[in-house]
Amino acid sequence: HQGEHTFQVELDLSDDNYAYLKDHKVQGSIWFPGTGYIEMALEAGTELLGESFSGVTNLVLKEALILSD
């Protein structure tokens, strides 16, 4: 599992699965929640290791992902 891996997801705020994100606002802007980054890391770890992964430590979020409608 060496090398670079890329994962992608499309977030559509009109999709009922992501509608909750519209309520996650900071100073009027919709921010992707920090827990979403953790979930992505866990899913990527599981995908790469082929088993349940729960080893996210020392996570630092350096920049907000600001979403638009």
PDB file of N, CA and C in Angstrom:
ATOM      1  N   HIS A   1       0.822  -1.194   0.000  1.00  0.00           N
ATOM      2  CA  HIS A   1       0.000   0.000   0.000  1.00  0.00           C
ATOM      3  C   HIS A   1       0.861   1.251   0.000  1.00  0.00           C
ATOM      4  N   GLN A   2       1.946   1.224  -0.716  1.00  0.00           N
ATOM      5  CA  GLN A   2       2.806   2.391  -0.778  1.00  0.00           C
ATOM      6  C   GLN A   2       2.353   3.300  -1.902  1.00  0.00           C
ATOM      7  N   GLY A   3       2.834   4.508  -1.886  1.00  0.00           N
ATOM      8  CA  GLY A   3       2.502   5.463  -2.926  1.00  0.00           C
ATOM      9  C   GLY A   3       1.383   6.393  -2.502  1.00  0.00           C
ATOM     10  N   GLU A   4       0.939   7.146  -3.455  1.00  0.00           N
ATOM     11  CA  GLU A   4      -0.093   8.135  -3.185  1.00  0.00           C
ATOM     12  C   GLU A   4      -1.468   7.584  -3.536  1.00  0.00           C
ATOM     13  N   HIS A   5      -2.431   7.862  -2.686  1.00  0.00           N
ATOM     14  CA  HIS A   5      -3.808   7.430  -2.914  1.00  0.00           C
ATOM     15  C   HIS A   5      -4.707   8.652  -2.896  1.00  0.00           C
ATOM     16  N   THR A   6      -5.685   8.665  -3.758  1.00  0.00           N
ATOM     17  CA  THR A   6      -6.619   9.773  -3.839  1.00  0.00           C
ATOM     18  C   THR A   6      -8.039   9.245  -3.647  1.00  0.00           C
ATOM     19  N   PHE A   7      -8.793   9.928  -2.810  1.00  0.00           N
ATOM     20  CA  PHE A   7     -10.189   9.585  -2.579  1.00  0.00           C
ATOM     21  C   PHE A   7     -11.021  10.815  -2.900  1.00  0.00           C
ATOM     22  N   GLN A   8     -12.216  10.602  -3.402  1.00  0.00           N
ATOM     23  CA  GLN A   8     -13.031  11.729  -3.830  1.00  0.00           C
ATOM     24  C   GLN A   8     -14.488  11.484  -3.459  1.00  0.00           C
ATOM     25  N   VAL A   9     -15.174  12.541  -3.073  1.00  0.00           N
ATOM     26  CA  VAL A   9     -16.609  12.492  -2.824  1.00  0.00           C
ATOM     27  C   VAL A   9     -17.212  13.805  -3.301  1.00  0.00           C
ATOM     28  N   GLU A  10     -18.412  13.739  -3.826  1.00  0.00           N
ATOM     29  CA  GLU A  10     -19.106  14.950  -4.245  1.00  0.00           C
ATOM     30  C   GLU A  10     -20.171  15.269  -3.206  1.00  0.00           C
ATOM     31  N   LEU A  11     -20.082  16.454  -2.640  1.00  0.00           N
ATOM     32  CA  LEU A  11     -21.060  16.905  -1.661  1.00  0.00           C
ATOM     33  C   LEU A  11     -22.074  17.803  -2.357  1.00  0.00           C
ATOM     34  N   ASP A  12     -23.329  17.386  -2.339  1.00  0.00           N
ATOM     35  CA  ASP A  12     -24.405  18.172  -2.935  1.00  0.00           C
ATOM     36  C   ASP A  12     -25.351  18.554  -1.813  1.00  0.00           C
ATOM     37  N   LEU A  13     -25.358  19.825  -1.449  1.00  0.00           N
ATOM     38  CA  LEU A  13     -26.163  20.277  -0.316  1.00  0.00           C
ATOM     39  C   LEU A  13     -27.660  20.158  -0.568  1.00  0.00           C
ATOM     40  N   SER A  14     -28.064  19.940  -1.812  1.00  0.00           N
ATOM     41  CA  SER A  14     -29.483  19.718  -2.091  1.00  0.00           C
ATOM     42  C   SER A  14     -29.862  18.247  -1.883  1.00  0.00           C
ATOM     43  N   ASP A  15     -28.864  17.375  -1.758  1.00  0.00           N
ATOM     44  CA  ASP A  15     -29.087  15.953  -1.477  1.00  0.00           C
ATOM     45  C   ASP A  15     -29.449  15.806  -0.004  1.00  0.00           C
ATOM     46  N   ASP A  16     -30.524  15.089   0.289  1.00  0.00           N
ATOM     47  CA  ASP A  16     -30.978  14.913   1.666  1.00  0.00           C
ATOM     48  C   ASP A  16     -29.902  14.312   2.573  1.00  0.00           C
ATOM     49  N   ASN A  17     -28.990  13.527   2.017  1.00  0.00           N
ATOM     50  CA  ASN A  17     -27.919  12.926   2.823  1.00  0.00           C
ATOM     51  C   ASN A  17     -26.955  13.968   3.391  1.00  0.00           C
ATOM     52  N   TYR A  18     -26.880  15.115   2.747  1.00  0.00           N
ATOM     53  CA  TYR A  18     -25.940  16.160   3.173  1.00  0.00           C
ATOM     54  C   TYR A  18     -26.640  17.445   3.620  1.00  0.00           C
ATOM     55  N   ALA A  19     -27.959  17.430   3.694  1.00  0.00           N
ATOM     56  CA  ALA A  19     -28.722  18.629   4.034  1.00  0.00           C
ATOM     57  C   ALA A  19     -28.324  19.209   5.393  1.00  0.00           C
ATOM     58  N   TYR A  20     -27.904  18.354   6.317  1.00  0.00           N
ATOM     59  CA  TYR A  20     -27.502  18.822   7.658  1.00  0.00           C
ATOM     60  C   TYR A  20     -26.328  19.795   7.598  1.00  0.00           C
ATOM     61  N   LEU A  21     -25.537  19.721   6.557  1.00  0.00           N
ATOM     62  CA  LEU A  21     -24.375  20.609   6.451  1.00  0.00           C
ATOM     63  C   LEU A  21     -24.780  22.078   6.349  1.00  0.00           C
ATOM     64  N   LYS A  22     -25.958  22.342   5.809  1.00  0.00           N
ATOM     65  CA  LYS A  22     -26.419  23.725   5.677  1.00  0.00           C
ATOM     66  C   LYS A  22     -26.538  24.414   7.030  1.00  0.00           C
ATOM     67  N   ASP A  23     -26.739  23.638   8.079  1.00  0.00           N
ATOM     68  CA  ASP A  23     -26.885  24.194   9.430  1.00  0.00           C
ATOM     69  C   ASP A  23     -25.550  24.344  10.157  1.00  0.00           C
ATOM     70  N   HIS A  24     -24.475  23.882   9.553  1.00  0.00           N
ATOM     71  CA  HIS A  24     -23.159  23.949  10.190  1.00  0.00           C
ATOM     72  C   HIS A  24     -22.463  25.225   9.723  1.00  0.00           C
ATOM     73  N   LYS A  25     -22.876  26.345  10.311  1.00  0.00           N
ATOM     74  CA  LYS A  25     -22.385  27.652   9.860  1.00  0.00           C
ATOM     75  C   LYS A  25     -21.523  28.324  10.915  1.00  0.00           C
ATOM     76  N   VAL A  26     -20.518  29.035  10.428  1.00  0.00           N
ATOM     77  CA  VAL A  26     -19.663  29.877  11.253  1.00  0.00           C
ATOM     78  C   VAL A  26     -19.627  31.237  10.571  1.00  0.00           C
ATOM     79  N   GLN A  27     -20.035  32.243  11.260  1.00  0.00           N
ATOM     80  CA  GLN A  27     -20.079  33.611  10.729  1.00  0.00           C
ATOM     81  C   GLN A  27     -20.780  33.672   9.365  1.00  0.00           C
ATOM     82  N   GLY A  28     -21.890  32.932   9.240  1.00  0.00           N
ATOM     83  CA  GLY A  28     -22.698  32.975   8.032  1.00  0.00           C
ATOM     84  C   GLY A  28     -22.252  32.067   6.901  1.00  0.00           C
ATOM     85  N   SER A  29     -21.091  31.421   7.013  1.00  0.00           N
ATOM     86  CA  SER A  29     -20.588  30.525   5.970  1.00  0.00           C
ATOM     87  C   SER A  29     -20.760  29.078   6.410  1.00  0.00           C
ATOM     88  N   ILE A  30     -21.024  28.198   5.434  1.00  0.00           N
ATOM     89  CA  ILE A  30     -21.163  26.774   5.720  1.00  0.00           C
ATOM     90  C   ILE A  30     -19.772  26.152   5.757  1.00  0.00           C
ATOM     91  N   TRP A  31     -19.416  25.594   6.910  1.00  0.00           N
ATOM     92  CA  TRP A  31     -18.112  24.950   7.086  1.00  0.00           C
ATOM     93  C   TRP A  31     -18.287  23.449   7.141  1.00  0.00           C
ATOM     94  N   PHE A  32     -17.402  22.730   6.465  1.00  0.00           N
ATOM     95  CA  PHE A  32     -17.391  21.272   6.577  1.00  0.00           C
ATOM     96  C   PHE A  32     -16.926  20.930   7.988  1.00  0.00           C
ATOM     97  N   PRO A  33     -17.677  20.086   8.712  1.00  0.00           N
ATOM     98  CA  PRO A  33     -17.340  19.820  10.117  1.00  0.00           C
ATOM     99  C   PRO A  33     -16.062  19.000  10.292  1.00  0.00           C
ATOM    100  N   GLY A  34     -15.359  19.276  11.369  1.00  0.00           N
ATOM    101  CA  GLY A  34     -14.130  18.543  11.684  1.00  0.00           C
ATOM    102  C   GLY A  34     -14.349  17.049  11.786  1.00  0.00           C
ATOM    103  N   THR A  35     -15.509  16.641  12.296  1.00  0.00           N
ATOM    104  CA  THR A  35     -15.793  15.203  12.395  1.00  0.00           C
ATOM    105  C   THR A  35     -15.860  14.553  11.019  1.00  0.00           C
ATOM    106  N   GLY A  36     -16.190  15.335  10.002  1.00  0.00           N
ATOM    107  CA  GLY A  36     -16.200  14.810   8.635  1.00  0.00           C
ATOM    108  C   GLY A  36     -14.801  14.422   8.178  1.00  0.00           C
ATOM    109  N   TYR A  37     -13.809  15.225   8.559  1.00  0.00           N
ATOM    110  CA  TYR A  37     -12.421  14.898   8.232  1.00  0.00           C
ATOM    111  C   TYR A  37     -12.002  13.595   8.919  1.00  0.00           C
ATOM    112  N   ILE A  38     -12.422  13.427  10.161  1.00  0.00           N
ATOM    113  CA  ILE A  38     -12.089  12.204  10.893  1.00  0.00           C
ATOM    114  C   ILE A  38     -12.738  10.998  10.224  1.00  0.00           C
ATOM    115  N   GLU A  39     -13.997  11.146   9.843  1.00  0.00           N
ATOM    116  CA  GLU A  39     -14.700  10.053   9.162  1.00  0.00           C
ATOM    117  C   GLU A  39     -14.004   9.694   7.855  1.00  0.00           C
ATOM    118  N   MET A  40     -13.563  10.712   7.104  1.00  0.00           N
ATOM    119  CA  MET A  40     -12.849  10.438   5.859  1.00  0.00           C
ATOM    120  C   MET A  40     -11.545   9.686   6.125  1.00  0.00           C
ATOM    121  N   ALA A  41     -10.820  10.090   7.161  1.00  0.00           N
ATOM    122  CA  ALA A  41      -9.559   9.418   7.499  1.00  0.00           C
ATOM    123  C   ALA A  41      -9.805   7.964   7.889  1.00  0.00           C
ATOM    124  N   LEU A  42     -10.853   7.725   8.660  1.00  0.00           N
ATOM    125  CA  LEU A  42     -11.176   6.352   9.065  1.00  0.00           C
ATOM    126  C   LEU A  42     -11.568   5.498   7.864  1.00  0.00           C
ATOM    127  N   GLU A  43     -12.362   6.048   6.968  1.00  0.00           N
ATOM    128  CA  GLU A  43     -12.771   5.310   5.778  1.00  0.00           C
ATOM    129  C   GLU A  43     -11.578   5.022   4.861  1.00  0.00           C
ATOM    130  N   ALA A  44     -10.693   6.010   4.703  1.00  0.00           N
ATOM    131  CA  ALA A  44      -9.505   5.805   3.875  1.00  0.00           C
ATOM    132  C   ALA A  44      -8.618   4.727   4.478  1.00  0.00           C
ATOM    133  N   GLY A  45      -8.434   4.755   5.796  1.00  0.00           N
ATOM    134  CA  GLY A  45      -7.635   3.729   6.468  1.00  0.00           C
ATOM    135  C   GLY A  45      -8.227   2.353   6.286  1.00  0.00           C
ATOM    136  N   THR A  46      -9.542   2.243   6.409  1.00  0.00           N
ATOM    137  CA  THR A  46     -10.217   0.962   6.215  1.00  0.00           C
ATOM    138  C   THR A  46     -10.062   0.483   4.775  1.00  0.00           C
ATOM    139  N   GLU A  47     -10.206   1.399   3.819  1.00  0.00           N
ATOM    140  CA  GLU A  47     -10.060   1.049   2.405  1.00  0.00           C
ATOM    141  C   GLU A  47      -8.650   0.540   2.099  1.00  0.00           C
ATOM    142  N   LEU A  48      -7.646   1.209   2.641  1.00  0.00           N
ATOM    143  CA  LEU A  48      -6.258   0.835   2.360  1.00  0.00           C
ATOM    144  C   LEU A  48      -5.820  -0.422   3.096  1.00  0.00           C
ATOM    145  N   LEU A  49      -6.323  -0.614   4.315  1.00  0.00           N
ATOM    146  CA  LEU A  49      -5.903  -1.748   5.129  1.00  0.00           C
ATOM    147  C   LEU A  49      -6.800  -2.971   4.962  1.00  0.00           C
ATOM    148  N   GLY A  50      -8.000  -2.766   4.417  1.00  0.00           N
ATOM    149  CA  GLY A  50      -8.906  -3.875   4.202  1.00  0.00           C
ATOM    150  C   GLY A  50      -9.561  -4.383   5.473  1.00  0.00           C
ATOM    151  N   GLU A  51      -9.518  -3.611   6.514  1.00  0.00           N
ATOM    152  CA  GLU A  51     -10.140  -3.982   7.780  1.00  0.00           C
ATOM    153  C   GLU A  51     -10.561  -2.710   8.499  1.00  0.00           C
ATOM    154  N   SER A  52     -11.326  -2.855   9.545  1.00  0.00           N
ATOM    155  CA  SER A  52     -11.765  -1.686  10.300  1.00  0.00           C
ATOM    156  C   SER A  52     -10.563  -0.948  10.859  1.00  0.00           C
ATOM    157  N   PHE A  53     -10.540   0.361  10.666  1.00  0.00           N
ATOM    158  CA  PHE A  53      -9.409   1.189  11.062  1.00  0.00           C
ATOM    159  C   PHE A  53      -9.883   2.222  12.072  1.00  0.00           C
ATOM    160  N   SER A  54      -9.176   2.348  13.171  1.00  0.00           N
ATOM    161  CA  SER A  54      -9.569   3.327  14.193  1.00  0.00           C
ATOM    162  C   SER A  54      -8.358   4.061  14.754  1.00  0.00           C
ATOM    163  N   GLY A  55      -7.325   4.237  13.929  1.00  0.00           N
ATOM    164  CA  GLY A  55      -6.072   4.777  14.434  1.00  0.00           C
ATOM    165  C   GLY A  55      -5.773   6.211  14.067  1.00  0.00           C
ATOM    166  N   VAL A  56      -6.742   7.107  14.123  1.00  0.00           N
ATOM    167  CA  VAL A  56      -6.468   8.516  13.831  1.00  0.00           C
ATOM    168  C   VAL A  56      -5.962   9.177  15.111  1.00  0.00           C
ATOM    169  N   THR A  57      -4.740   9.676  15.056  1.00  0.00           N
ATOM    170  CA  THR A  57      -4.162  10.388  16.200  1.00  0.00           C
ATOM    171  C   THR A  57      -3.476  11.646  15.700  1.00  0.00           C
ATOM    172  N   ASN A  58      -3.345  12.608  16.579  1.00  0.00           N
ATOM    173  CA  ASN A  58      -2.621  13.847  16.283  1.00  0.00           C
ATOM    174  C   ASN A  58      -3.138  14.552  15.031  1.00  0.00           C
ATOM    175  N   LEU A  59      -4.435  14.592  14.871  1.00  0.00           N
ATOM    176  CA  LEU A  59      -5.046  15.256  13.725  1.00  0.00           C
ATOM    177  C   LEU A  59      -5.005  16.766  13.925  1.00  0.00           C
ATOM    178  N   VAL A  60      -4.521  17.472  12.924  1.00  0.00           N
ATOM    179  CA  VAL A  60      -4.474  18.928  12.959  1.00  0.00           C
ATOM    180  C   VAL A  60      -5.202  19.434  11.720  1.00  0.00           C
ATOM    181  N   LEU A  61      -6.230  20.234  11.931  1.00  0.00           N
ATOM    182  CA  LEU A  61      -6.961  20.843  10.824  1.00  0.00           C
ATOM    183  C   LEU A  61      -6.429  22.259  10.647  1.00  0.00           C
ATOM    184  N   LYS A  62      -5.751  22.512   9.541  1.00  0.00           N
ATOM    185  CA  LYS A  62      -5.081  23.797   9.341  1.00  0.00           C
ATOM    186  C   LYS A  62      -5.917  24.811   8.590  1.00  0.00           C
ATOM    187  N   GLU A  63      -6.926  24.349   7.863  1.00  0.00           N
ATOM    188  CA  GLU A  63      -7.717  25.270   7.070  1.00  0.00           C
ATOM    189  C   GLU A  63      -9.142  24.751   6.971  1.00  0.00           C
ATOM    190  N   ALA A  64     -10.091  25.648   7.049  1.00  0.00           N
ATOM    191  CA  ALA A  64     -11.497  25.261   6.945  1.00  0.00           C
ATOM    192  C   ALA A  64     -11.880  24.998   5.492  1.00  0.00           C
ATOM    193  N   LEU A  65     -12.760  24.027   5.306  1.00  0.00           N
ATOM    194  CA  LEU A  65     -13.354  23.794   4.003  1.00  0.00           C
ATOM    195  C   LEU A  65     -14.708  24.503   4.031  1.00  0.00           C
ATOM    196  N   ILE A  66     -14.792  25.625   3.335  1.00  0.00           N
ATOM    197  CA  ILE A  66     -16.015  26.418   3.317  1.00  0.00           C
ATOM    198  C   ILE A  66     -16.807  26.022   2.077  1.00  0.00           C
ATOM    199  N   LEU A  67     -18.054  25.615   2.314  1.00  0.00           N
ATOM    200  CA  LEU A  67     -18.913  25.124   1.234  1.00  0.00           C
ATOM    201  C   LEU A  67     -19.845  26.218   0.749  1.00  0.00           C
ATOM    202  N   SER A  68     -20.252  26.103  -0.487  1.00  0.00           N
ATOM    203  CA  SER A  68     -21.247  27.045  -1.037  1.00  0.00           C
ATOM    204  C   SER A  68     -22.502  26.270  -1.398  1.00  0.00           C
ATOM    205  N   ASP A  69     -23.622  26.968  -1.407  1.00  0.00           N
ATOM    206  CA  ASP A  69     -24.871  26.326  -1.792  1.00  0.00           C
ATOM    207  C   ASP A  69     -24.804  25.886  -3.236  1.00  0.00           C
TER     208      ASP A  69
END
